[in-house]
């Protein structure tokens, strides 16, 4: 996959306008549901909203793909899938990353709206945090799509997984199958991410159902270097909980902190501590296969999300109707038995 492009932070509105008009960028080192609800991709498979058209509607369109988390493996994959598919359909694509800075994201949205972008795709970004800037896009008739993001009124659609359901699935597996309904757990989270919030809500609710499981602490993991940061956080927690069996498990809300936690546990020789994640990225699956502390994850269909977004954009620019809301792609639990 070719290297993703993004606009330089701090670029003036006129500069952004020049890039969009020239088709250049600067190199840098669910269909179908009522708003607020979701349907599965399988349920909407027969709905023409998800079908691919001839792409004529996208030819020459300038699409701004915007995120805060391009350093994340899965976010990078989604942005790359979208860029590749839209470019193949004849669109000019500008991938804009603001490095975990919501204020910068708001500013960049203002820039692309002022410069006349034809469409905006938010990748792994909570639209509630930039609602005022998105309203400017809505007022200008600029369609806004989400990929693994949230959904607010005015957007066209958000393609994602059912994050609450994924949270329930992995937490029940952790609490029941791995922990035997008792012990202590550490939570590694990042609640600014809309999907992670839903998984954490599932964790919070299920924790109430298991009186013999105690939460030691919840730790926020920054998004820029989640593996390294989680490894450091876990190492510090191991110092504070140095006795064997003082920690039973680690719930990581996505795979990268799960990987970091598993590394710290391996270095400390704490093979008894169980770790789970969410995403199903290749490194996490390999660690499960190798028998590390990381025992399970939930694999999401990120390419499927990108397909739904690109199909929705094609339909929009072809003048075909879209029903606003969220659509869910399927996700599956991955355990040691599965990868063996």
C-alpha atoms as a PDB file:
ATOM      1  CA  UNK A   1       0.000   0.000   0.000  1.00  0.00           C
ATOM      2  CA  UNK A   2       1.472   3.343  -0.960  1.00  0.00           C
ATOM      3  CA  UNK A   3       2.451   5.746   1.705  1.00  0.00           C
ATOM      4  CA  UNK A   4      -0.412   7.756   3.171  1.00  0.00           C
ATOM      5  CA  UNK A   5      -0.398  11.494   2.616  1.00  0.00           C
ATOM      6  CA  UNK A   6      -1.544  14.267   4.891  1.00  0.00           C
ATOM      7  CA  UNK A   7      -1.669  18.028   5.032  1.00  0.00           C
ATOM      8  CA  UNK A   8       0.957  19.760   7.155  1.00  0.00           C
ATOM      9  CA  UNK A   9      -0.332  20.931  10.533  1.00  0.00           C
ATOM     10  CA  UNK A  10      -0.753  24.647  10.788  1.00  0.00           C
ATOM     11  CA  UNK A  11      -1.353  25.121   7.053  1.00  0.00           C
ATOM     12  CA  UNK A  12      -3.270  28.303   6.324  1.00  0.00           C
ATOM     13  CA  UNK A  13      -6.704  28.113   4.709  1.00  0.00           C
ATOM     14  CA  UNK A  14      -5.369  29.497   1.437  1.00  0.00           C
ATOM     15  CA  UNK A  15      -2.652  26.862   1.413  1.00  0.00           C
ATOM     16  CA  UNK A  16      -5.200  24.120   1.989  1.00  0.00           C
ATOM     17  CA  UNK A  17      -7.336  25.558  -0.769  1.00  0.00           C
ATOM     18  CA  UNK A  18      -4.365  25.482  -3.117  1.00  0.00           C
ATOM     19  CA  UNK A  19      -3.726  21.852  -2.378  1.00  0.00           C
ATOM     20  CA  UNK A  20      -7.317  20.836  -2.948  1.00  0.00           C
ATOM     21  CA  UNK A  21      -7.544  22.798  -6.175  1.00  0.00           C
ATOM     22  CA  UNK A  22      -4.262  21.468  -7.505  1.00  0.00           C
ATOM     23  CA  UNK A  23      -4.906  17.865  -6.424  1.00  0.00           C
ATOM     24  CA  UNK A  24      -1.597  17.672  -4.518  1.00  0.00           C
ATOM     25  CA  UNK A  25      -0.774  16.968  -0.878  1.00  0.00           C
ATOM     26  CA  UNK A  26       2.349  17.244   1.249  1.00  0.00           C
ATOM     27  CA  UNK A  27       4.209  14.085   2.193  1.00  0.00           C
ATOM     28  CA  UNK A  28       4.469  13.312   5.905  1.00  0.00           C
ATOM     29  CA  UNK A  29       7.177  11.126   7.712  1.00  0.00           C
ATOM     30  CA  UNK A  30     -23.680   1.418   7.693  1.00  0.00           C
ATOM     31  CA  UNK A  31     -25.932   1.842   5.407  1.00  0.00           C
ATOM     32  CA  UNK A  32     -29.566   1.684   6.286  1.00  0.00           C
ATOM     33  CA  UNK A  33     -30.372   2.505   9.960  1.00  0.00           C
ATOM     34  CA  UNK A  34     -32.338   5.244  11.581  1.00  0.00           C
ATOM     35  CA  UNK A  35     -30.000   7.801  13.151  1.00  0.00           C
ATOM     36  CA  UNK A  36     -28.591   6.530  16.423  1.00  0.00           C
ATOM     37  CA  UNK A  37     -29.309   2.870  15.631  1.00  0.00           C
ATOM     38  CA  UNK A  38     -27.341   0.239  13.780  1.00  0.00           C
ATOM     39  CA  UNK A  39     -27.918  -2.664  11.452  1.00  0.00           C
ATOM     40  CA  UNK A  40     -25.513  -5.372  10.463  1.00  0.00           C
ATOM     41  CA  UNK A  41     -23.915  -5.471   7.052  1.00  0.00           C
ATOM     42  CA  UNK A  42     -25.499  -8.884   6.604  1.00  0.00           C
ATOM     43  CA  UNK A  43     -28.959  -7.464   7.273  1.00  0.00           C
ATOM     44  CA  UNK A  44     -28.397  -4.757   4.701  1.00  0.00           C
ATOM     45  CA  UNK A  45     -26.618  -6.962   2.160  1.00  0.00           C
ATOM     46  CA  UNK A  46     -29.609  -6.820  -0.129  1.00  0.00           C
ATOM     47  CA  UNK A  47     -29.865  -3.028   0.175  1.00  0.00           C
ATOM     48  CA  UNK A  48     -28.479  -1.302  -2.886  1.00  0.00           C
ATOM     49  CA  UNK A  49     -27.040   1.359  -0.607  1.00  0.00           C
ATOM     50  CA  UNK A  50     -23.995  -0.861  -0.025  1.00  0.00           C
ATOM     51  CA  UNK A  51     -23.521  -1.906  -3.623  1.00  0.00           C
ATOM     52  CA  UNK A  52     -20.625  -0.636  -5.687  1.00  0.00           C
ATOM     53  CA  UNK A  53     -21.547   1.572  -8.629  1.00  0.00           C
ATOM     54  CA  UNK A  54     -19.452   2.394 -11.681  1.00  0.00           C
ATOM     55  CA  UNK A  55     -17.722   5.158  -9.706  1.00  0.00           C
ATOM     56  CA  UNK A  56     -18.601   7.884 -12.220  1.00  0.00           C
ATOM     57  CA  UNK A  57     -20.023  10.021  -9.449  1.00  0.00           C
ATOM     58  CA  UNK A  58     -16.654  10.115  -7.683  1.00  0.00           C
ATOM     59  CA  UNK A  59     -14.568  11.089 -10.705  1.00  0.00           C
ATOM     60  CA  UNK A  60     -12.790  14.370  -9.986  1.00  0.00           C
ATOM     61  CA  UNK A  61     -14.245  14.749  -6.476  1.00  0.00           C
ATOM     62  CA  UNK A  62     -11.945  16.013  -3.731  1.00  0.00           C
ATOM     63  CA  UNK A  63     -12.382  13.895  -0.604  1.00  0.00           C
ATOM     64  CA  UNK A  64     -10.781  14.767   2.748  1.00  0.00           C
ATOM     65  CA  UNK A  65     -10.069  11.675   4.884  1.00  0.00           C
ATOM     66  CA  UNK A  66      -9.506  12.991   8.417  1.00  0.00           C
ATOM     67  CA  UNK A  67      -8.284  11.305  11.597  1.00  0.00           C
ATOM     68  CA  UNK A  68      -6.347  11.848  14.803  1.00  0.00           C
ATOM     69  CA  UNK A  69      -4.781   8.395  14.936  1.00  0.00           C
ATOM     70  CA  UNK A  70      -2.846   7.631  11.759  1.00  0.00           C
ATOM     71  CA  UNK A  71      -0.081   6.016  13.838  1.00  0.00           C
ATOM     72  CA  UNK A  72      -2.574   3.343  14.923  1.00  0.00           C
ATOM     73  CA  UNK A  73      -2.204   0.208  12.824  1.00  0.00           C
ATOM     74  CA  UNK A  74      -5.926  -0.267  12.254  1.00  0.00           C
ATOM     75  CA  UNK A  75      -6.691   3.419  11.634  1.00  0.00           C
ATOM     76  CA  UNK A  76      -3.842   3.545   9.136  1.00  0.00           C
ATOM     77  CA  UNK A  77      -5.273   0.478   7.410  1.00  0.00           C
ATOM     78  CA  UNK A  78      -8.743   1.990   7.135  1.00  0.00           C
ATOM     79  CA  UNK A  79      -7.461   5.306   5.824  1.00  0.00           C
ATOM     80  CA  UNK A  80      -5.330   3.410   3.331  1.00  0.00           C
ATOM     81  CA  UNK A  81      -8.231   1.249   2.142  1.00  0.00           C
ATOM     82  CA  UNK A  82     -10.401   4.333   1.662  1.00  0.00           C
ATOM     83  CA  UNK A  83      -7.678   6.256  -0.155  1.00  0.00           C
ATOM     84  CA  UNK A  84      -6.996   3.316  -2.455  1.00  0.00           C
ATOM     85  CA  UNK A  85     -10.642   2.641  -3.304  1.00  0.00           C
ATOM     86  CA  UNK A  86     -11.626   6.270  -3.842  1.00  0.00           C
ATOM     87  CA  UNK A  87      -8.542   6.976  -5.939  1.00  0.00           C
ATOM     88  CA  UNK A  88      -9.337   3.951  -8.110  1.00  0.00           C
ATOM     89  CA  UNK A  89     -12.805   5.452  -8.629  1.00  0.00           C
ATOM     90  CA  UNK A  90     -11.278   8.704  -9.889  1.00  0.00           C
ATOM     91  CA  UNK A  91     -11.417  10.844  -6.752  1.00  0.00           C
ATOM     92  CA  UNK A  92      -8.606  13.029  -5.406  1.00  0.00           C
ATOM     93  CA  UNK A  93      -7.978  11.970  -1.823  1.00  0.00           C
ATOM     94  CA  UNK A  94      -6.290  13.979   0.934  1.00  0.00           C
ATOM     95  CA  UNK A  95      -5.442  12.073   4.136  1.00  0.00           C
ATOM     96  CA  UNK A  96      -5.179  14.500   7.052  1.00  0.00           C
ATOM     97  CA  UNK A  97      -3.837  13.419  10.442  1.00  0.00           C
ATOM     98  CA  UNK A  98      -3.793  15.670  13.524  1.00  0.00           C
ATOM     99  CA  UNK A  99      -1.782  13.429  15.856  1.00  0.00           C
ATOM    100  CA  UNK A 100      -4.292  12.976  18.687  1.00  0.00           C
ATOM    101  CA  UNK A 101      -5.196  16.694  18.706  1.00  0.00           C
ATOM    102  CA  UNK A 102      -8.941  17.401  18.551  1.00  0.00           C
ATOM    103  CA  UNK A 103      -8.401  21.163  18.408  1.00  0.00           C
ATOM    104  CA  UNK A 104      -6.200  20.679  15.369  1.00  0.00           C
ATOM    105  CA  UNK A 105      -8.796  18.377  13.821  1.00  0.00           C
ATOM    106  CA  UNK A 106     -11.429  21.081  14.274  1.00  0.00           C
ATOM    107  CA  UNK A 107      -9.129  23.591  12.604  1.00  0.00           C
ATOM    108  CA  UNK A 108      -8.411  21.300   9.670  1.00  0.00           C
ATOM    109  CA  UNK A 109     -12.129  20.675   9.159  1.00  0.00           C
ATOM    110  CA  UNK A 110     -12.615  24.445   8.972  1.00  0.00           C
ATOM    111  CA  UNK A 111      -9.824  24.583   6.395  1.00  0.00           C
ATOM    112  CA  UNK A 112     -11.205  21.913   4.081  1.00  0.00           C
ATOM    113  CA  UNK A 113     -14.731  23.308   4.296  1.00  0.00           C
ATOM    114  CA  UNK A 114     -13.464  26.776   3.398  1.00  0.00           C
ATOM    115  CA  UNK A 115     -11.384  25.402   0.541  1.00  0.00           C
ATOM    116  CA  UNK A 116     -14.315  23.592  -1.035  1.00  0.00           C
ATOM    117  CA  UNK A 117     -13.776  19.915  -0.351  1.00  0.00           C
ATOM    118  CA  UNK A 118     -16.469  17.745  -1.916  1.00  0.00           C
ATOM    119  CA  UNK A 119     -16.687  15.282   0.958  1.00  0.00           C
ATOM    120  CA  UNK A 120     -15.304  14.450   4.407  1.00  0.00           C
ATOM    121  CA  UNK A 121     -14.613  11.020   5.899  1.00  0.00           C
ATOM    122  CA  UNK A 122     -13.868  10.864   9.634  1.00  0.00           C
ATOM    123  CA  UNK A 123     -11.808   7.810  10.563  1.00  0.00           C
ATOM    124  CA  UNK A 124     -11.843   6.703  14.212  1.00  0.00           C
ATOM    125  CA  UNK A 125     -12.891  10.178  15.356  1.00  0.00           C
ATOM    126  CA  UNK A 126     -15.744  11.180  17.654  1.00  0.00           C
ATOM    127  CA  UNK A 127     -17.879  13.650  15.661  1.00  0.00           C
ATOM    128  CA  UNK A 128     -19.299  15.086  18.881  1.00  0.00           C
ATOM    129  CA  UNK A 129     -15.889  16.616  19.585  1.00  0.00           C
ATOM    130  CA  UNK A 130     -15.991  18.619  16.333  1.00  0.00           C
ATOM    131  CA  UNK A 131     -19.763  19.088  15.996  1.00  0.00           C
ATOM    132  CA  UNK A 132     -19.564  22.852  15.382  1.00  0.00           C
ATOM    133  CA  UNK A 133     -17.086  22.442  12.549  1.00  0.00           C
ATOM    134  CA  UNK A 134     -19.101  19.607  11.029  1.00  0.00           C
ATOM    135  CA  UNK A 135     -22.186  21.805  11.159  1.00  0.00           C
ATOM    136  CA  UNK A 136     -20.334  24.222   8.871  1.00  0.00           C
ATOM    137  CA  UNK A 137     -19.854  21.317   6.451  1.00  0.00           C
ATOM    138  CA  UNK A 138     -23.522  20.379   6.674  1.00  0.00           C
ATOM    139  CA  UNK A 139     -24.523  24.000   6.029  1.00  0.00           C
ATOM    140  CA  UNK A 140     -22.359  24.007   2.887  1.00  0.00           C
ATOM    141  CA  UNK A 141     -23.924  20.781   1.646  1.00  0.00           C
ATOM    142  CA  UNK A 142     -20.704  18.797   2.134  1.00  0.00           C
ATOM    143  CA  UNK A 143     -21.443  15.132   2.935  1.00  0.00           C
ATOM    144  CA  UNK A 144     -19.746  13.692   6.019  1.00  0.00           C
ATOM    145  CA  UNK A 145     -19.181   9.956   6.444  1.00  0.00           C
ATOM    146  CA  UNK A 146     -17.698   8.047   9.363  1.00  0.00           C
ATOM    147  CA  UNK A 147     -15.471   4.973   9.358  1.00  0.00           C
ATOM    148  CA  UNK A 148     -15.134   3.387  12.800  1.00  0.00           C
ATOM    149  CA  UNK A 149     -16.336   6.702  14.215  1.00  0.00           C
ATOM    150  CA  UNK A 150     -19.498   7.898  15.906  1.00  0.00           C
ATOM    151  CA  UNK A 151     -22.631   9.283  14.266  1.00  0.00           C
ATOM    152  CA  UNK A 152     -24.377  12.623  14.740  1.00  0.00           C
ATOM    153  CA  UNK A 153     -27.369  14.124  12.973  1.00  0.00           C
ATOM    154  CA  UNK A 154     -26.333  15.613   9.655  1.00  0.00           C
ATOM    155  CA  UNK A 155     -23.868  12.848   8.771  1.00  0.00           C
ATOM    156  CA  UNK A 156     -24.623  10.407   5.965  1.00  0.00           C
ATOM    157  CA  UNK A 157     -23.534   7.179   7.622  1.00  0.00           C
ATOM    158  CA  UNK A 158     -20.971   5.658   9.938  1.00  0.00           C
ATOM    159  CA  UNK A 159     -19.607   2.188   9.143  1.00  0.00           C
ATOM    160  CA  UNK A 160     -18.303   0.446  12.226  1.00  0.00           C
ATOM    161  CA  UNK A 161     -18.584  -2.650  14.407  1.00  0.00           C
ATOM    162  CA  UNK A 162     -21.145  -3.062  17.169  1.00  0.00           C
ATOM    163  CA  UNK A 163     -18.607  -1.986  19.769  1.00  0.00           C
ATOM    164  CA  UNK A 164     -20.811  -2.614  22.784  1.00  0.00           C
ATOM    165  CA  UNK A 165     -21.484  -6.150  21.571  1.00  0.00           C
ATOM    166  CA  UNK A 166     -17.754  -6.698  20.987  1.00  0.00           C
ATOM    167  CA  UNK A 167     -17.072  -5.427  24.498  1.00  0.00           C
ATOM    168  CA  UNK A 168     -19.610  -7.859  25.939  1.00  0.00           C
ATOM    169  CA  UNK A 169     -18.148 -10.726  23.918  1.00  0.00           C
ATOM    170  CA  UNK A 170     -14.529 -10.247  24.941  1.00  0.00           C
ATOM    171  CA  UNK A 171     -15.306  -9.337  28.564  1.00  0.00           C
ATOM    172  CA  UNK A 172     -17.523 -12.380  29.103  1.00  0.00           C
ATOM    173  CA  UNK A 173     -14.835 -14.587  27.596  1.00  0.00           C
ATOM    174  CA  UNK A 174     -12.253 -12.994  29.890  1.00  0.00           C
ATOM    175  CA  UNK A 175     -14.356 -13.100  33.051  1.00  0.00           C
ATOM    176  CA  UNK A 176     -15.872 -16.546  32.568  1.00  0.00           C
ATOM    177  CA  UNK A 177     -13.651 -18.684  30.346  1.00  0.00           C
ATOM    178  CA  UNK A 178     -10.263 -17.291  31.310  1.00  0.00           C
ATOM    179  CA  UNK A 179     -10.727 -15.977  34.883  1.00  0.00           C
ATOM    180  CA  UNK A 180     -13.346 -18.446  36.084  1.00  0.00           C
ATOM    181  CA  UNK A 181     -15.516 -15.581  37.416  1.00  0.00           C
ATOM    182  CA  UNK A 182     -13.039 -14.503  40.092  1.00  0.00           C
ATOM    183  CA  UNK A 183      -9.830 -12.536  40.554  1.00  0.00           C
ATOM    184  CA  UNK A 184      -8.516  -9.050  39.872  1.00  0.00           C
ATOM    185  CA  UNK A 185      -8.397  -7.085  36.622  1.00  0.00           C
ATOM    186  CA  UNK A 186      -6.685  -4.001  35.215  1.00  0.00           C
ATOM    187  CA  UNK A 187      -8.363  -1.995  32.441  1.00  0.00           C
ATOM    188  CA  UNK A 188      -6.311  -0.194  29.761  1.00  0.00           C
ATOM    189  CA  UNK A 189      -8.576   2.239  27.900  1.00  0.00           C
ATOM    190  CA  UNK A 190      -8.820   5.330  25.715  1.00  0.00           C
ATOM    191  CA  UNK A 191     -12.297   6.777  26.211  1.00  0.00           C
ATOM    192  CA  UNK A 192     -11.970   9.677  23.729  1.00  0.00           C
ATOM    193  CA  UNK A 193     -12.399   7.065  20.974  1.00  0.00           C
ATOM    194  CA  UNK A 194     -16.128   6.446  20.341  1.00  0.00           C
ATOM    195  CA  UNK A 195     -15.706   2.707  19.777  1.00  0.00           C
ATOM    196  CA  UNK A 196     -13.528   2.264  22.851  1.00  0.00           C
ATOM    197  CA  UNK A 197     -16.131   4.104  24.932  1.00  0.00           C
ATOM    198  CA  UNK A 198     -18.766   1.514  23.997  1.00  0.00           C
ATOM    199  CA  UNK A 199     -16.434  -1.375  24.835  1.00  0.00           C
ATOM    200  CA  UNK A 200     -15.620   0.239  28.178  1.00  0.00           C
ATOM    201  CA  UNK A 201     -19.314   0.714  28.915  1.00  0.00           C
ATOM    202  CA  UNK A 202     -19.805  -3.015  28.357  1.00  0.00           C
ATOM    203  CA  UNK A 203     -16.855  -3.696  30.677  1.00  0.00           C
ATOM    204  CA  UNK A 204     -18.314  -1.389  33.347  1.00  0.00           C
ATOM    205  CA  UNK A 205     -21.738  -3.044  33.194  1.00  0.00           C
ATOM    206  CA  UNK A 206     -20.468  -6.615  33.187  1.00  0.00           C
ATOM    207  CA  UNK A 207     -18.121  -5.953  36.095  1.00  0.00           C
ATOM    208  CA  UNK A 208     -21.236  -5.404  38.234  1.00  0.00           C
ATOM    209  CA  UNK A 209     -22.405  -8.947  37.413  1.00  0.00           C
ATOM    210  CA  UNK A 210     -19.274 -10.608  38.812  1.00  0.00           C
ATOM    211  CA  UNK A 211     -18.918  -9.765  42.507  1.00  0.00           C
ATOM    212  CA  UNK A 212     -15.809 -11.909  42.856  1.00  0.00           C
ATOM    213  CA  UNK A 213     -13.895  -9.906  40.241  1.00  0.00           C
ATOM    214  CA  UNK A 214     -12.243  -6.721  41.496  1.00  0.00           C
ATOM    215  CA  UNK A 215     -11.009  -3.843  39.341  1.00  0.00           C
ATOM    216  CA  UNK A 216      -7.545  -2.804  40.507  1.00  0.00           C
ATOM    217  CA  UNK A 217      -7.305   0.299  38.316  1.00  0.00           C
ATOM    218  CA  UNK A 218      -8.274   1.757  34.948  1.00  0.00           C
ATOM    219  CA  UNK A 219      -5.440   3.436  33.074  1.00  0.00           C
ATOM    220  CA  UNK A 220      -5.756   5.775  30.073  1.00  0.00           C
ATOM    221  CA  UNK A 221      -3.377   4.829  27.251  1.00  0.00           C
ATOM    222  CA  UNK A 222      -2.405   7.695  24.880  1.00  0.00           C
ATOM    223  CA  UNK A 223      -3.022   6.968  21.226  1.00  0.00           C
ATOM    224  CA  UNK A 224       0.296   8.101  19.724  1.00  0.00           C
ATOM    225  CA  UNK A 225       2.435   5.180  20.953  1.00  0.00           C
ATOM    226  CA  UNK A 226      -0.035   2.813  22.599  1.00  0.00           C
ATOM    227  CA  UNK A 227       2.220  -0.255  22.612  1.00  0.00           C
ATOM    228  CA  UNK A 228       5.155   1.499  24.253  1.00  0.00           C
ATOM    229  CA  UNK A 229       2.968   3.501  26.630  1.00  0.00           C
ATOM    230  CA  UNK A 230       0.969   0.450  27.694  1.00  0.00           C
ATOM    231  CA  UNK A 231       4.180  -1.483  28.253  1.00  0.00           C
ATOM    232  CA  UNK A 232       5.457   1.273  30.544  1.00  0.00           C
ATOM    233  CA  UNK A 233       2.126   1.565  32.359  1.00  0.00           C
ATOM    234  CA  UNK A 234       2.003  -2.188  32.878  1.00  0.00           C
ATOM    235  CA  UNK A 235       5.577  -2.316  34.116  1.00  0.00           C
ATOM    236  CA  UNK A 236       4.754   0.300  36.755  1.00  0.00           C
ATOM    237  CA  UNK A 237       1.624  -1.583  37.789  1.00  0.00           C
ATOM    238  CA  UNK A 238       3.662  -4.760  38.161  1.00  0.00           C
ATOM    239  CA  UNK A 239       5.999  -2.946  40.524  1.00  0.00           C
ATOM    240  CA  UNK A 240       2.994  -1.904  42.618  1.00  0.00           C
ATOM    241  CA  UNK A 241       1.539  -5.424  42.431  1.00  0.00           C
ATOM    242  CA  UNK A 242       4.688  -7.494  42.596  1.00  0.00           C
ATOM    243  CA  UNK A 243       3.284 -10.572  44.315  1.00  0.00           C
ATOM    244  CA  UNK A 244       2.474 -13.478  42.018  1.00  0.00           C
ATOM    245  CA  UNK A 245      -1.275 -13.818  41.401  1.00  0.00           C
ATOM    246  CA  UNK A 246      -1.933 -10.286  42.677  1.00  0.00           C
ATOM    247  CA  UNK A 247      -3.131  -9.494  39.132  1.00  0.00           C
ATOM    248  CA  UNK A 248      -5.321 -12.054  37.403  1.00  0.00           C
ATOM    249  CA  UNK A 249      -6.006 -10.324  34.092  1.00  0.00           C
ATOM    250  CA  UNK A 250      -5.743  -7.230  31.909  1.00  0.00           C
ATOM    251  CA  UNK A 251      -8.659  -5.968  29.832  1.00  0.00           C
ATOM    252  CA  UNK A 252      -7.219  -3.871  26.974  1.00  0.00           C
ATOM    253  CA  UNK A 253      -9.838  -1.996  24.961  1.00  0.00           C
ATOM    254  CA  UNK A 254      -7.859  -2.504  21.746  1.00  0.00           C
ATOM    255  CA  UNK A 255      -4.982  -4.678  20.613  1.00  0.00           C
ATOM    256  CA  UNK A 256      -2.032  -2.299  20.812  1.00  0.00           C
ATOM    257  CA  UNK A 257      -2.147  -1.777  24.589  1.00  0.00           C
ATOM    258  CA  UNK A 258      -2.790  -5.508  24.918  1.00  0.00           C
ATOM    259  CA  UNK A 259       0.446  -6.115  23.032  1.00  0.00           C
ATOM    260  CA  UNK A 260       2.321  -3.641  25.242  1.00  0.00           C
ATOM    261  CA  UNK A 261       0.928  -5.178  28.422  1.00  0.00           C
ATOM    262  CA  UNK A 262       1.839  -8.686  27.275  1.00  0.00           C
ATOM    263  CA  UNK A 263       5.404  -7.556  26.570  1.00  0.00           C
ATOM    264  CA  UNK A 264       5.767  -6.077  30.054  1.00  0.00           C
ATOM    265  CA  UNK A 265       4.372  -9.236  31.627  1.00  0.00           C
ATOM    266  CA  UNK A 266       6.753 -11.423  29.635  1.00  0.00           C
ATOM    267  CA  UNK A 267       9.741  -9.297  30.671  1.00  0.00           C
ATOM    268  CA  UNK A 268       8.667  -9.543  34.314  1.00  0.00           C
ATOM    269  CA  UNK A 269       8.125 -13.296  34.120  1.00  0.00           C
ATOM    270  CA  UNK A 270       4.459 -12.962  35.065  1.00  0.00           C
ATOM    271  CA  UNK A 271       3.096 -15.710  32.841  1.00  0.00           C
ATOM    272  CA  UNK A 272       0.039 -16.177  35.069  1.00  0.00           C
ATOM    273  CA  UNK A 273      -1.566 -12.864  34.042  1.00  0.00           C
ATOM    274  CA  UNK A 274      -4.149 -13.101  31.240  1.00  0.00           C
ATOM    275  CA  UNK A 275      -4.567 -10.378  28.606  1.00  0.00           C
ATOM    276  CA  UNK A 276      -7.288  -9.730  26.036  1.00  0.00           C
ATOM    277  CA  UNK A 277      -7.645  -7.106  23.305  1.00  0.00           C
ATOM    278  CA  UNK A 278      -9.933  -6.015  20.487  1.00  0.00           C
ATOM    279  CA  UNK A 279      -9.242  -5.519  16.741  1.00  0.00           C
ATOM    280  CA  UNK A 280      -7.626  -8.727  15.559  1.00  0.00           C
ATOM    281  CA  UNK A 281      -4.492  -7.118  14.156  1.00  0.00           C
ATOM    282  CA  UNK A 282      -1.826  -9.463  12.830  1.00  0.00           C
ATOM    283  CA  UNK A 283       0.662  -8.932  15.630  1.00  0.00           C
ATOM    284  CA  UNK A 284      -1.946  -9.666  18.303  1.00  0.00           C
ATOM    285  CA  UNK A 285      -3.126 -12.821  16.533  1.00  0.00           C
ATOM    286  CA  UNK A 286       0.464 -14.016  16.195  1.00  0.00           C
ATOM    287  CA  UNK A 287       1.058 -13.483  19.919  1.00  0.00           C
ATOM    288  CA  UNK A 288      -2.054 -15.519  20.700  1.00  0.00           C
ATOM    289  CA  UNK A 289      -0.751 -18.242  18.389  1.00  0.00           C
ATOM    290  CA  UNK A 290       2.632 -18.239  20.147  1.00  0.00           C
ATOM    291  CA  UNK A 291       1.079 -18.771  23.587  1.00  0.00           C
ATOM    292  CA  UNK A 292       1.947 -15.379  25.076  1.00  0.00           C
ATOM    293  CA  UNK A 293       0.010 -13.683  27.890  1.00  0.00           C
ATOM    294  CA  UNK A 294      -2.309 -12.315  25.187  1.00  0.00           C
ATOM    295  CA  UNK A 295      -5.077 -14.922  25.011  1.00  0.00           C
ATOM    296  CA  UNK A 296      -7.906 -13.492  22.907  1.00  0.00           C
ATOM    297  CA  UNK A 297      -9.066 -10.627  20.726  1.00  0.00           C
ATOM    298  CA  UNK A 298     -12.075  -9.734  18.574  1.00  0.00           C
ATOM    299  CA  UNK A 299     -11.323  -9.384  14.877  1.00  0.00           C
ATOM    300  CA  UNK A 300     -13.025  -6.426  13.176  1.00  0.00           C
ATOM    301  CA  UNK A 301     -13.666  -6.108   9.441  1.00  0.00           C
ATOM    302  CA  UNK A 302     -11.902  -2.808   8.738  1.00  0.00           C
ATOM    303  CA  UNK A 303     -11.767  -3.286   4.992  1.00  0.00           C
ATOM    304  CA  UNK A 304     -15.493  -3.993   5.039  1.00  0.00           C
ATOM    305  CA  UNK A 305     -16.061  -0.683   6.838  1.00  0.00           C
ATOM    306  CA  UNK A 306     -14.048   1.123   4.167  1.00  0.00           C
ATOM    307  CA  UNK A 307     -16.070  -0.621   1.438  1.00  0.00           C
ATOM    308  CA  UNK A 308     -19.321   0.598   2.991  1.00  0.00           C
ATOM    309  CA  UNK A 309     -18.057   4.168   3.237  1.00  0.00           C
ATOM    310  CA  UNK A 310     -16.787   4.223  -0.343  1.00  0.00           C
ATOM    311  CA  UNK A 311     -19.998   2.648  -1.606  1.00  0.00           C
ATOM    312  CA  UNK A 312     -21.986   5.266   0.277  1.00  0.00           C
ATOM    313  CA  UNK A 313     -19.917   8.073  -1.228  1.00  0.00           C
ATOM    314  CA  UNK A 314     -20.460   6.681  -4.727  1.00  0.00           C
ATOM    315  CA  UNK A 315     -24.198   6.536  -4.187  1.00  0.00           C
ATOM    316  CA  UNK A 316     -24.266  10.060  -2.779  1.00  0.00           C
ATOM    317  CA  UNK A 317     -22.440  11.560  -5.748  1.00  0.00           C
ATOM    318  CA  UNK A 318     -24.549   9.515  -8.146  1.00  0.00           C
ATOM    319  CA  UNK A 319     -27.598  11.214  -6.658  1.00  0.00           C
ATOM    320  CA  UNK A 320     -28.979   8.035  -5.121  1.00  0.00           C
ATOM    321  CA  UNK A 321     -30.753   8.162  -1.747  1.00  0.00           C
ATOM    322  CA  UNK A 322     -28.975   7.295   1.493  1.00  0.00           C
ATOM    323  CA  UNK A 323     -30.712   6.612   4.797  1.00  0.00           C
ATOM    324  CA  UNK A 324     -28.666   8.232   7.588  1.00  0.00           C
ATOM    325  CA  UNK A 325     -27.408   6.064  10.420  1.00  0.00           C
ATOM    326  CA  UNK A 326     -24.879   3.412  11.362  1.00  0.00           C
ATOM    327  CA  UNK A 327     -24.157   0.065   9.771  1.00  0.00           C
ATOM    328  CA  UNK A 328     -22.240  -2.696  11.527  1.00  0.00           C
ATOM    329  CA  UNK A 329     -19.786  -5.056   9.919  1.00  0.00           C
ATOM    330  CA  UNK A 330     -19.460  -8.463  11.641  1.00  0.00           C
ATOM    331  CA  UNK A 331     -16.751  -9.167  14.217  1.00  0.00           C
ATOM    332  CA  UNK A 332     -15.512 -12.502  15.547  1.00  0.00           C
ATOM    333  CA  UNK A 333     -13.849 -13.713  18.725  1.00  0.00           C
ATOM    334  CA  UNK A 334     -10.335 -15.070  18.177  1.00  0.00           C
ATOM    335  CA  UNK A 335      -8.846 -17.372  20.825  1.00  0.00           C
ATOM    336  CA  UNK A 336      -5.876 -19.711  21.033  1.00  0.00           C
ATOM    337  CA  UNK A 337      -8.039 -22.583  19.805  1.00  0.00           C
ATOM    338  CA  UNK A 338      -9.010 -20.606  16.720  1.00  0.00           C
ATOM    339  CA  UNK A 339      -5.474 -19.652  15.657  1.00  0.00           C
ATOM    340  CA  UNK A 340      -4.087 -23.134  16.274  1.00  0.00           C
END
